[in-house]
Amino acid sequence: MNRIGRILTAVVLIAGGTLFAQPHSATKNLKWEPFNVGIERAKTDHKKVLIDIYAVWCSWCEKMDDSVYTDENVKDYISKNFVVIKMDAEAAGTLHYNGKDYSPAQLAAAFGVNGFPATLFLKDDSEPITLLPGYVDARMFLHVLSYIAENQYESKHFEDYLKERGFKQ
């Protein structure tokens, strides 16, 4: 996960940074699952998991909702390839992960989240793939999604994947 994490951190440098501020609205048109339900659904559907980890006061989380998760190409790709979970890292409640109970804040910390938004990718068996920190625009996010969904992370660096796809900044 370290190599992939470093690679995807480069995405943040290419596509934008992370800042904080205002309220978070619910994203429409994607079937966002509660954490525990989504983890189980991924196992039965044999799909990877995308977890949008946010805080209600985070303006970049709101921007991700308003301009990335509403993009038709992003929505279509996510719907076909991922189980999606929306997790407020500051909410109350208990989440079950790998036989243990966590608060959302504890689980976010366990995955290495230190700012919002953060996008966590898991395999269908809940094994972590990588954590993508910060806001990423829709165009770059589609590249990240296909890199993960097509298992390209197993055999090549993200930068090489982008070059193969003809990505230009």
Foldseek 3Di string as FASTA:
>chain_A
DVQQQVLLQVLCVVFHHFDFFAAADDAPDAPADAQQVLLVVLLVVQAKEKEWEAAGGGVQNNVCRVFACPPPVNRVLCNVGYHYHYHDLPDADWDDDPRDIDGSVRVCVVQPDDGPGKIWIAGSNRHTDYIRDHHGGNVVVVLVSCCVRVVVSVPDRSVVSCVVVVDDD
